[in-house]
Amino acid sequence: MKFPREVRTYCPRCKTYTVHQASLYKPGKRRTLAQGQRRYLRKLKGYGSKRKPEQKEFAKTTEKQVVKLKCTVCGYTRHKCLGRMKKLEIVERV
């Protein structure tokens, strides 16, 4: 799917419709000192197996694509989930 680089949509901080810059959302690196990550690593230690069972067959072939929308007026950033699709492409003009 092709998604425009600039979208005119609602900004909750400005409380009006403004132009937003769109970019693909990519999750950052996991924090190794976060409590959940420490708990997960502690569970993996020792002679036991994995914490959760590994999936035998992969059911889904696509990922839910997320777009980051940044307001050009105030700089407020929010995420918008576009649903499942094979490929998301940010283009200048649609």
PDB file of N, CA and C in Angstrom:
ATOM      1  N   MET A   1       0.837  -1.171   0.000  1.00  0.00           N
ATOM      2  CA  MET A   1       0.000   0.000   0.000  1.00  0.00           C
ATOM      3  C   MET A   1       0.887   1.240   0.000  1.00  0.00           C
ATOM      4  N   LYS A   2       0.476   2.248  -0.725  1.00  0.00           N
ATOM      5  CA  LYS A   2       1.208   3.509  -0.763  1.00  0.00           C
ATOM      6  C   LYS A   2       0.519   4.508   0.161  1.00  0.00           C
ATOM      7  N   PHE A   3       1.315   5.187   0.991  1.00  0.00           N
ATOM      8  CA  PHE A   3       0.799   6.150   1.958  1.00  0.00           C
ATOM      9  C   PHE A   3       1.516   7.474   1.734  1.00  0.00           C
ATOM     10  N   PRO A   4       0.789   8.603   1.702  1.00  0.00           N
ATOM     11  CA  PRO A   4       1.434   9.895   1.417  1.00  0.00           C
ATOM     12  C   PRO A   4       2.347  10.354   2.559  1.00  0.00           C
ATOM     13  N   ARG A   5       3.420  11.069   2.197  1.00  0.00           N
ATOM     14  CA  ARG A   5       4.360  11.569   3.202  1.00  0.00           C
ATOM     15  C   ARG A   5       3.736  12.678   4.048  1.00  0.00           C
ATOM     16  N   GLU A   6       2.863  13.476   3.445  1.00  0.00           N
ATOM     17  CA  GLU A   6       2.181  14.536   4.187  1.00  0.00           C
ATOM     18  C   GLU A   6       0.680  14.274   4.161  1.00  0.00           C
ATOM     19  N   VAL A   7       0.065  14.299   5.359  1.00  0.00           N
ATOM     20  CA  VAL A   7      -1.361  14.036   5.496  1.00  0.00           C
ATOM     21  C   VAL A   7      -1.977  15.160   6.316  1.00  0.00           C
ATOM     22  N   ARG A   8      -3.148  15.599   5.898  1.00  0.00           N
ATOM     23  CA  ARG A   8      -3.869  16.598   6.679  1.00  0.00           C
ATOM     24  C   ARG A   8      -4.856  15.853   7.571  1.00  0.00           C
ATOM     25  N   THR A   9      -4.569  15.822   8.882  1.00  0.00           N
ATOM     26  CA  THR A   9      -5.389  15.065   9.818  1.00  0.00           C
ATOM     27  C   THR A   9      -5.476  15.799  11.153  1.00  0.00           C
ATOM     28  N   TYR A  10      -6.288  15.275  12.062  1.00  0.00           N
ATOM     29  CA  TYR A  10      -6.566  15.944  13.337  1.00  0.00           C
ATOM     30  C   TYR A  10      -5.383  15.820  14.295  1.00  0.00           C
ATOM     31  N   CYS A  11      -5.033  16.933  14.940  1.00  0.00           N
ATOM     32  CA  CYS A  11      -3.991  16.961  15.969  1.00  0.00           C
ATOM     33  C   CYS A  11      -4.664  17.200  17.318  1.00  0.00           C
ATOM     34  N   PRO A  12      -4.549  16.253  18.278  1.00  0.00           N
ATOM     35  CA  PRO A  12      -5.214  16.422  19.570  1.00  0.00           C
ATOM     36  C   PRO A  12      -4.648  17.567  20.398  1.00  0.00           C
ATOM     37  N   ARG A  13      -3.381  17.938  20.176  1.00  0.00           N
ATOM     38  CA  ARG A  13      -2.798  19.028  20.956  1.00  0.00           C
ATOM     39  C   ARG A  13      -3.248  20.392  20.413  1.00  0.00           C
ATOM     40  N   CYS A  14      -3.227  20.539  19.076  1.00  0.00           N
ATOM     41  CA  CYS A  14      -3.692  21.798  18.463  1.00  0.00           C
ATOM     42  C   CYS A  14      -5.217  21.883  18.467  1.00  0.00           C
ATOM     43  N   LYS A  15      -5.885  20.740  18.588  1.00  0.00           N
ATOM     44  CA  LYS A  15      -7.346  20.630  18.536  1.00  0.00           C
ATOM     45  C   LYS A  15      -7.909  21.168  17.226  1.00  0.00           C
ATOM     46  N   THR A  16      -7.176  20.924  16.136  1.00  0.00           N
ATOM     47  CA  THR A  16      -7.631  21.307  14.808  1.00  0.00           C
ATOM     48  C   THR A  16      -6.954  20.405  13.773  1.00  0.00           C
ATOM     49  N   TYR A  17      -7.384  20.486  12.539  1.00  0.00           N
ATOM     50  CA  TYR A  17      -6.785  19.699  11.475  1.00  0.00           C
ATOM     51  C   TYR A  17      -5.552  20.414  10.953  1.00  0.00           C
ATOM     52  N   THR A  18      -4.408  19.722  10.978  1.00  0.00           N
ATOM     53  CA  THR A  18      -3.147  20.293  10.508  1.00  0.00           C
ATOM     54  C   THR A  18      -2.443  19.281   9.613  1.00  0.00           C
ATOM     55  N   VAL A  19      -1.376  19.735   8.955  1.00  0.00           N
ATOM     56  CA  VAL A  19      -0.576  18.859   8.096  1.00  0.00           C
ATOM     57  C   VAL A  19       0.376  18.060   8.985  1.00  0.00           C
ATOM     58  N   HIS A  20       0.454  16.754   8.752  1.00  0.00           N
ATOM     59  CA  HIS A  20       1.325  15.872   9.512  1.00  0.00           C
ATOM     60  C   HIS A  20       2.342  15.207   8.585  1.00  0.00           C
ATOM     61  N   GLN A  21       3.565  15.038   9.072  1.00  0.00           N
ATOM     62  CA  GLN A  21       4.598  14.293   8.359  1.00  0.00           C
ATOM     63  C   GLN A  21       4.454  12.829   8.731  1.00  0.00           C
ATOM     64  N   ALA A  22       4.398  11.931   7.753  1.00  0.00           N
ATOM     65  CA  ALA A  22       4.235  10.503   8.009  1.00  0.00           C
ATOM     66  C   ALA A  22       5.562   9.784   7.812  1.00  0.00           C
ATOM     67  N   SER A  23       5.839   8.830   8.717  1.00  0.00           N
ATOM     68  CA  SER A  23       7.020   7.987   8.590  1.00  0.00           C
ATOM     69  C   SER A  23       6.697   6.613   9.150  1.00  0.00           C
ATOM     70  N   LEU A  24       7.466   5.608   8.729  1.00  0.00           N
ATOM     71  CA  LEU A  24       7.247   4.246   9.204  1.00  0.00           C
ATOM     72  C   LEU A  24       7.714   4.125  10.648  1.00  0.00           C
ATOM     73  N   TYR A  25       6.934   3.430  11.467  1.00  0.00           N
ATOM     74  CA  TYR A  25       7.315   3.196  12.859  1.00  0.00           C
ATOM     75  C   TYR A  25       8.145   1.929  12.947  1.00  0.00           C
ATOM     76  N   LYS A  26       9.285   2.025  13.627  1.00  0.00           N
ATOM     77  CA  LYS A  26      10.103   0.847  13.872  1.00  0.00           C
ATOM     78  C   LYS A  26      10.354   0.775  15.372  1.00  0.00           C
ATOM     79  N   PRO A  27      10.090  -0.386  15.998  1.00  0.00           N
ATOM     80  CA  PRO A  27      10.325  -0.495  17.431  1.00  0.00           C
ATOM     81  C   PRO A  27      11.804  -0.382  17.754  1.00  0.00           C
ATOM     82  N   GLY A  28      12.113   0.257  18.869  1.00  0.00           N
ATOM     83  CA  GLY A  28      13.503   0.451  19.270  1.00  0.00           C
ATOM     84  C   GLY A  28      14.086  -0.796  19.908  1.00  0.00           C
ATOM     85  N   LYS A  29      15.341  -0.670  20.343  1.00  0.00           N
ATOM     86  CA  LYS A  29      16.015  -1.789  20.984  1.00  0.00           C
ATOM     87  C   LYS A  29      15.429  -2.033  22.360  1.00  0.00           C
ATOM     88  N   ARG A  30      15.360  -3.306  22.786  1.00  0.00           N
ATOM     89  CA  ARG A  30      14.835  -3.638  24.102  1.00  0.00           C
ATOM     90  C   ARG A  30      15.808  -3.144  25.172  1.00  0.00           C
ATOM     91  N   ARG A  31      15.281  -2.617  26.276  1.00  0.00           N
ATOM     92  CA  ARG A  31      16.130  -2.175  27.384  1.00  0.00           C
ATOM     93  C   ARG A  31      16.483  -3.388  28.238  1.00  0.00           C
ATOM     94  N   THR A  32      17.758  -3.666  28.384  1.00  0.00           N
ATOM     95  CA  THR A  32      18.190  -4.858  29.114  1.00  0.00           C
ATOM     96  C   THR A  32      17.995  -4.704  30.621  1.00  0.00           C
ATOM     97  N   LEU A  33      17.890  -3.491  31.127  1.00  0.00           N
ATOM     98  CA  LEU A  33      17.719  -3.278  32.564  1.00  0.00           C
ATOM     99  C   LEU A  33      16.258  -3.111  32.967  1.00  0.00           C
ATOM    100  N   ALA A  34      15.334  -3.214  32.015  1.00  0.00           N
ATOM    101  CA  ALA A  34      13.916  -3.115  32.342  1.00  0.00           C
ATOM    102  C   ALA A  34      13.501  -4.348  33.149  1.00  0.00           C
ATOM    103  N   GLN A  35      12.557  -4.163  34.071  1.00  0.00           N
ATOM    104  CA  GLN A  35      12.173  -5.246  34.978  1.00  0.00           C
ATOM    105  C   GLN A  35      11.668  -6.476  34.229  1.00  0.00           C
ATOM    106  N   GLY A  36      10.855  -6.276  33.214  1.00  0.00           N
ATOM    107  CA  GLY A  36      10.325  -7.406  32.458  1.00  0.00           C
ATOM    108  C   GLY A  36      11.423  -8.172  31.739  1.00  0.00           C
ATOM    109  N   GLN A  37      12.394  -7.464  31.192  1.00  0.00           N
ATOM    110  CA  GLN A  37      13.502  -8.114  30.473  1.00  0.00           C
ATOM    111  C   GLN A  37      14.389  -8.879  31.446  1.00  0.00           C
ATOM    112  N   ARG A  38      14.640  -8.313  32.625  1.00  0.00           N
ATOM    113  CA  ARG A  38      15.441  -9.002  33.649  1.00  0.00           C
ATOM    114  C   ARG A  38      14.747 -10.278  34.108  1.00  0.00           C
ATOM    115  N   ARG A  39      13.429 -10.197  34.301  1.00  0.00           N
ATOM    116  CA  ARG A  39      12.642 -11.363  34.719  1.00  0.00           C
ATOM    117  C   ARG A  39      12.695 -12.451  33.631  1.00  0.00           C
ATOM    118  N   TYR A  40      12.572 -12.036  32.369  1.00  0.00           N
ATOM    119  CA  TYR A  40      12.600 -12.964  31.239  1.00  0.00           C
ATOM    120  C   TYR A  40      13.948 -13.676  31.159  1.00  0.00           C
ATOM    121  N   LEU A  41      15.046 -12.925  31.304  1.00  0.00           N
ATOM    122  CA  LEU A  41      16.378 -13.511  31.233  1.00  0.00           C
ATOM    123  C   LEU A  41      16.641 -14.443  32.412  1.00  0.00           C
ATOM    124  N   ARG A  42      16.115 -14.096  33.590  1.00  0.00           N
ATOM    125  CA  ARG A  42      16.286 -14.939  34.769  1.00  0.00           C
ATOM    126  C   ARG A  42      15.556 -16.272  34.580  1.00  0.00           C
ATOM    127  N   LYS A  43      14.376 -16.217  33.944  1.00  0.00           N
ATOM    128  CA  LYS A  43      13.611 -17.428  33.675  1.00  0.00           C
ATOM    129  C   LYS A  43      14.337 -18.337  32.683  1.00  0.00           C
ATOM    130  N   LEU A  44      15.065 -17.737  31.725  1.00  0.00           N
ATOM    131  CA  LEU A  44      15.771 -18.519  30.709  1.00  0.00           C
ATOM    132  C   LEU A  44      16.997 -19.224  31.265  1.00  0.00           C
ATOM    133  N   LYS A  45      17.556 -18.718  32.390  1.00  0.00           N
ATOM    134  CA  LYS A  45      18.775 -19.295  32.953  1.00  0.00           C
ATOM    135  C   LYS A  45      18.543 -20.711  33.446  1.00  0.00           C
ATOM    136  N   GLY A  46      19.626 -21.492  33.533  1.00  0.00           N
ATOM    137  CA  GLY A  46      19.534 -22.812  34.132  1.00  0.00           C
ATOM    138  C   GLY A  46      19.323 -23.907  33.098  1.00  0.00           C
ATOM    139  N   TYR A  47      18.862 -25.054  33.582  1.00  0.00           N
ATOM    140  CA  TYR A  47      18.736 -26.231  32.727  1.00  0.00           C
ATOM    141  C   TYR A  47      17.361 -26.347  32.089  1.00  0.00           C
ATOM    142  N   GLY A  48      16.431 -25.492  32.456  1.00  0.00           N
ATOM    143  CA  GLY A  48      15.082 -25.570  31.904  1.00  0.00           C
ATOM    144  C   GLY A  48      15.050 -25.192  30.437  1.00  0.00           C
ATOM    145  N   SER A  49      13.898 -25.364  29.843  1.00  0.00           N
ATOM    146  CA  SER A  49      13.769 -25.029  28.421  1.00  0.00           C
ATOM    147  C   SER A  49      13.327 -23.570  28.289  1.00  0.00           C
ATOM    148  N   LYS A  50      12.749 -23.253  27.136  1.00  0.00           N
ATOM    149  CA  LYS A  50      12.265 -21.895  26.886  1.00  0.00           C
ATOM    150  C   LYS A  50      11.162 -21.532  27.859  1.00  0.00           C
ATOM    151  N   ARG A  51      10.962 -20.236  28.073  1.00  0.00           N
ATOM    152  CA  ARG A  51       9.939 -19.760  29.003  1.00  0.00           C
ATOM    153  C   ARG A  51       8.553 -20.040  28.459  1.00  0.00           C
ATOM    154  N   LYS A  52       8.398 -19.838  27.150  1.00  0.00           N
ATOM    155  CA  LYS A  52       7.112 -20.098  26.499  1.00  0.00           C
ATOM    156  C   LYS A  52       7.344 -21.109  25.383  1.00  0.00           C
ATOM    157  N   PRO A  53       6.352 -21.914  25.040  1.00  0.00           N
ATOM    158  CA  PRO A  53       6.555 -22.890  23.971  1.00  0.00           C
ATOM    159  C   PRO A  53       6.756 -22.211  22.613  1.00  0.00           C
ATOM    160  N   GLU A  54       7.663 -22.748  21.834  1.00  0.00           N
ATOM    161  CA  GLU A  54       7.907 -22.184  20.503  1.00  0.00           C
ATOM    162  C   GLU A  54       6.777 -22.601  19.578  1.00  0.00           C
ATOM    163  N   GLN A  55       6.400 -21.704  18.709  1.00  0.00           N
ATOM    164  CA  GLN A  55       5.291 -21.972  17.799  1.00  0.00           C
ATOM    165  C   GLN A  55       5.741 -22.932  16.706  1.00  0.00           C
ATOM    166  N   LYS A  56       4.968 -23.986  16.498  1.00  0.00           N
ATOM    167  CA  LYS A  56       5.340 -24.987  15.502  1.00  0.00           C
ATOM    168  C   LYS A  56       5.079 -24.482  14.081  1.00  0.00           C
ATOM    169  N   GLU A  57       3.883 -23.953  13.854  1.00  0.00           N
ATOM    170  CA  GLU A  57       3.541 -23.416  12.539  1.00  0.00           C
ATOM    171  C   GLU A  57       3.230 -21.940  12.680  1.00  0.00           C
ATOM    172  N   PHE A  58       3.739 -21.150  11.754  1.00  0.00           N
ATOM    173  CA  PHE A  58       3.470 -19.717  11.801  1.00  0.00           C
ATOM    174  C   PHE A  58       2.166 -19.428  11.078  1.00  0.00           C
ATOM    175  N   ALA A  59       1.199 -18.866  11.783  1.00  0.00           N
ATOM    176  CA  ALA A  59      -0.147 -18.703  11.236  1.00  0.00           C
ATOM    177  C   ALA A  59      -0.264 -17.476  10.335  1.00  0.00           C
ATOM    178  N   LYS A  60       0.377 -16.401  10.725  1.00  0.00           N
ATOM    179  CA  LYS A  60       0.179 -15.140   9.991  1.00  0.00           C
ATOM    180  C   LYS A  60       1.368 -14.839   9.088  1.00  0.00           C
ATOM    181  N   THR A  61       1.083 -14.331   7.893  1.00  0.00           N
ATOM    182  CA  THR A  61       2.144 -14.032   6.936  1.00  0.00           C
ATOM    183  C   THR A  61       2.399 -12.542   6.821  1.00  0.00           C
ATOM    184  N   THR A  62       1.589 -11.728   7.498  1.00  0.00           N
ATOM    185  CA  THR A  62       1.752 -10.280   7.402  1.00  0.00           C
ATOM    186  C   THR A  62       1.883  -9.684   8.797  1.00  0.00           C
ATOM    187  N   GLU A  63       2.338  -8.422   8.850  1.00  0.00           N
ATOM    188  CA  GLU A  63       2.443  -7.693  10.109  1.00  0.00           C
ATOM    189  C   GLU A  63       1.495  -6.511  10.067  1.00  0.00           C
ATOM    190  N   LYS A  64       1.096  -6.063  11.252  1.00  0.00           N
ATOM    191  CA  LYS A  64       0.297  -4.844  11.327  1.00  0.00           C
ATOM    192  C   LYS A  64       1.237  -3.659  11.161  1.00  0.00           C
ATOM    193  N   GLN A  65       0.971  -2.843  10.163  1.00  0.00           N
ATOM    194  CA  GLN A  65       1.836  -1.703   9.864  1.00  0.00           C
ATOM    195  C   GLN A  65       1.382  -0.481  10.654  1.00  0.00           C
ATOM    196  N   VAL A  66       2.370   0.241  11.213  1.00  0.00           N
ATOM    197  CA  VAL A  66       2.094   1.426  12.020  1.00  0.00           C
ATOM    198  C   VAL A  66       2.815   2.611  11.404  1.00  0.00           C
ATOM    199  N   VAL A  67       2.120   3.760  11.350  1.00  0.00           N
ATOM    200  CA  VAL A  67       2.681   4.991  10.803  1.00  0.00           C
ATOM    201  C   VAL A  67       2.816   6.004  11.930  1.00  0.00           C
ATOM    202  N   LYS A  68       3.956   6.710  11.965  1.00  0.00           N
ATOM    203  CA  LYS A  68       4.151   7.795  12.925  1.00  0.00           C
ATOM    204  C   LYS A  68       3.713   9.085  12.257  1.00  0.00           C
ATOM    205  N   LEU A  69       2.794   9.798  12.870  1.00  0.00           N
ATOM    206  CA  LEU A  69       2.320  11.077  12.329  1.00  0.00           C
ATOM    207  C   LEU A  69       2.818  12.203  13.226  1.00  0.00           C
ATOM    208  N   LYS A  70       3.601  13.131  12.655  1.00  0.00           N
ATOM    209  CA  LYS A  70       4.164  14.244  13.421  1.00  0.00           C
ATOM    210  C   LYS A  70       3.556  15.542  12.917  1.00  0.00           C
ATOM    211  N   CYS A  71       2.940  16.304  13.828  1.00  0.00           N
ATOM    212  CA  CYS A  71       2.304  17.575  13.470  1.00  0.00           C
ATOM    213  C   CYS A  71       3.385  18.589  13.108  1.00  0.00           C
ATOM    214  N   THR A  72       3.205  19.280  11.987  1.00  0.00           N
ATOM    215  CA  THR A  72       4.195  20.266  11.548  1.00  0.00           C
ATOM    216  C   THR A  72       4.065  21.578  12.313  1.00  0.00           C
ATOM    217  N   VAL A  73       2.937  21.797  13.020  1.00  0.00           N
ATOM    218  CA  VAL A  73       2.723  23.039  13.762  1.00  0.00           C
ATOM    219  C   VAL A  73       3.331  22.942  15.161  1.00  0.00           C
ATOM    220  N   CYS A  74       2.922  21.911  15.935  1.00  0.00           N
ATOM    221  CA  CYS A  74       3.368  21.822  17.330  1.00  0.00           C
ATOM    222  C   CYS A  74       4.398  20.726  17.566  1.00  0.00           C
ATOM    223  N   GLY A  75       4.584  19.806  16.615  1.00  0.00           N
ATOM    224  CA  GLY A  75       5.574  18.744  16.767  1.00  0.00           C
ATOM    225  C   GLY A  75       5.075  17.524  17.515  1.00  0.00           C
ATOM    226  N   TYR A  76       3.780  17.455  17.821  1.00  0.00           N
ATOM    227  CA  TYR A  76       3.199  16.321  18.540  1.00  0.00           C
ATOM    228  C   TYR A  76       3.212  15.087  17.644  1.00  0.00           C
ATOM    229  N   THR A  77       3.678  13.958  18.173  1.00  0.00           N
ATOM    230  CA  THR A  77       3.756  12.716  17.402  1.00  0.00           C
ATOM    231  C   THR A  77       2.770  11.703  17.948  1.00  0.00           C
ATOM    232  N   ARG A  78       2.065  11.048  17.054  1.00  0.00           N
ATOM    233  CA  ARG A  78       1.175   9.962  17.470  1.00  0.00           C
ATOM    234  C   ARG A  78       1.265   8.836  16.457  1.00  0.00           C
ATOM    235  N   HIS A  79       0.848   7.636  16.879  1.00  0.00           N
ATOM    236  CA  HIS A  79       0.907   6.460  16.027  1.00  0.00           C
ATOM    237  C   HIS A  79      -0.468   6.133  15.481  1.00  0.00           C
ATOM    238  N   LYS A  80      -0.489   5.633  14.258  1.00  0.00           N
ATOM    239  CA  LYS A  80      -1.744   5.206  13.642  1.00  0.00           C
ATOM    240  C   LYS A  80      -1.517   3.829  13.037  1.00  0.00           C
ATOM    241  N   CYS A  81      -2.301   2.851  13.500  1.00  0.00           N
ATOM    242  CA  CYS A  81      -2.191   1.490  12.982  1.00  0.00           C
ATOM    243  C   CYS A  81      -3.047   1.383  11.725  1.00  0.00           C
ATOM    244  N   LEU A  82      -2.443   0.904  10.637  1.00  0.00           N
ATOM    245  CA  LEU A  82      -3.157   0.789   9.368  1.00  0.00           C
ATOM    246  C   LEU A  82      -3.650  -0.623   9.115  1.00  0.00           C
ATOM    247  N   GLY A  83      -3.362  -1.551  10.015  1.00  0.00           N
ATOM    248  CA  GLY A  83      -3.826  -2.923   9.849  1.00  0.00           C
ATOM    249  C   GLY A  83      -2.799  -3.790   9.148  1.00  0.00           C
ATOM    250  N   ARG A  84      -3.226  -4.996   8.786  1.00  0.00           N
ATOM    251  CA  ARG A  84      -2.322  -5.969   8.183  1.00  0.00           C
ATOM    252  C   ARG A  84      -2.136  -5.717   6.697  1.00  0.00           C
ATOM    253  N   MET A  85      -0.874  -5.734   6.280  1.00  0.00           N
ATOM    254  CA  MET A  85      -0.553  -5.631   4.855  1.00  0.00           C
ATOM    255  C   MET A  85       0.849  -6.164   4.623  1.00  0.00           C
ATOM    256  N   LYS A  86       1.087  -6.615   3.394  1.00  0.00           N
ATOM    257  CA  LYS A  86       2.403  -7.170   3.063  1.00  0.00           C
ATOM    258  C   LYS A  86       3.482  -6.085   3.096  1.00  0.00           C
ATOM    259  N   LYS A  87       3.174  -4.926   2.486  1.00  0.00           N
ATOM    260  CA  LYS A  87       4.204  -3.897   2.344  1.00  0.00           C
ATOM    261  C   LYS A  87       3.563  -2.519   2.450  1.00  0.00           C
ATOM    262  N   LEU A  88       4.224  -1.628   3.165  1.00  0.00           N
ATOM    263  CA  LEU A  88       3.760  -0.238   3.291  1.00  0.00           C
ATOM    264  C   LEU A  88       4.869   0.656   2.768  1.00  0.00           C
ATOM    265  N   GLU A  89       4.503   1.557   1.876  1.00  0.00           N
ATOM    266  CA  GLU A  89       5.488   2.429   1.241  1.00  0.00           C
ATOM    267  C   GLU A  89       5.042   3.878   1.436  1.00  0.00           C
ATOM    268  N   ILE A  90       5.958   4.722   1.956  1.00  0.00           N
ATOM    269  CA  ILE A  90       5.681   6.142   2.113  1.00  0.00           C
ATOM    270  C   ILE A  90       6.161   6.850   0.854  1.00  0.00           C
ATOM    271  N   VAL A  91       5.237   7.533   0.159  1.00  0.00           N
ATOM    272  CA  VAL A  91       5.578   8.191  -1.103  1.00  0.00           C
ATOM    273  C   VAL A  91       5.288   9.688  -1.002  1.00  0.00           C
ATOM    274  N   GLU A  92       5.904  10.448  -1.899  1.00  0.00           N
ATOM    275  CA  GLU A  92       5.712  11.902  -1.911  1.00  0.00           C
ATOM    276  C   GLU A  92       4.279  12.272  -2.258  1.00  0.00           C
ATOM    277  N   ARG A  93       3.775  11.717  -3.353  1.00  0.00           N
ATOM    278  CA  ARG A  93       2.408  11.980  -3.798  1.00  0.00           C
ATOM    279  C   ARG A  93       1.737  10.657  -4.102  1.00  0.00           C
ATOM    280  N   VAL A  94       0.466  10.528  -3.750  1.00  0.00           N
ATOM    281  CA  VAL A  94      -0.258   9.283  -4.054  1.00  0.00           C
ATOM    282  C   VAL A  94      -0.973   9.436  -5.377  1.00  0.00           C
TER     283      VAL A  94
END
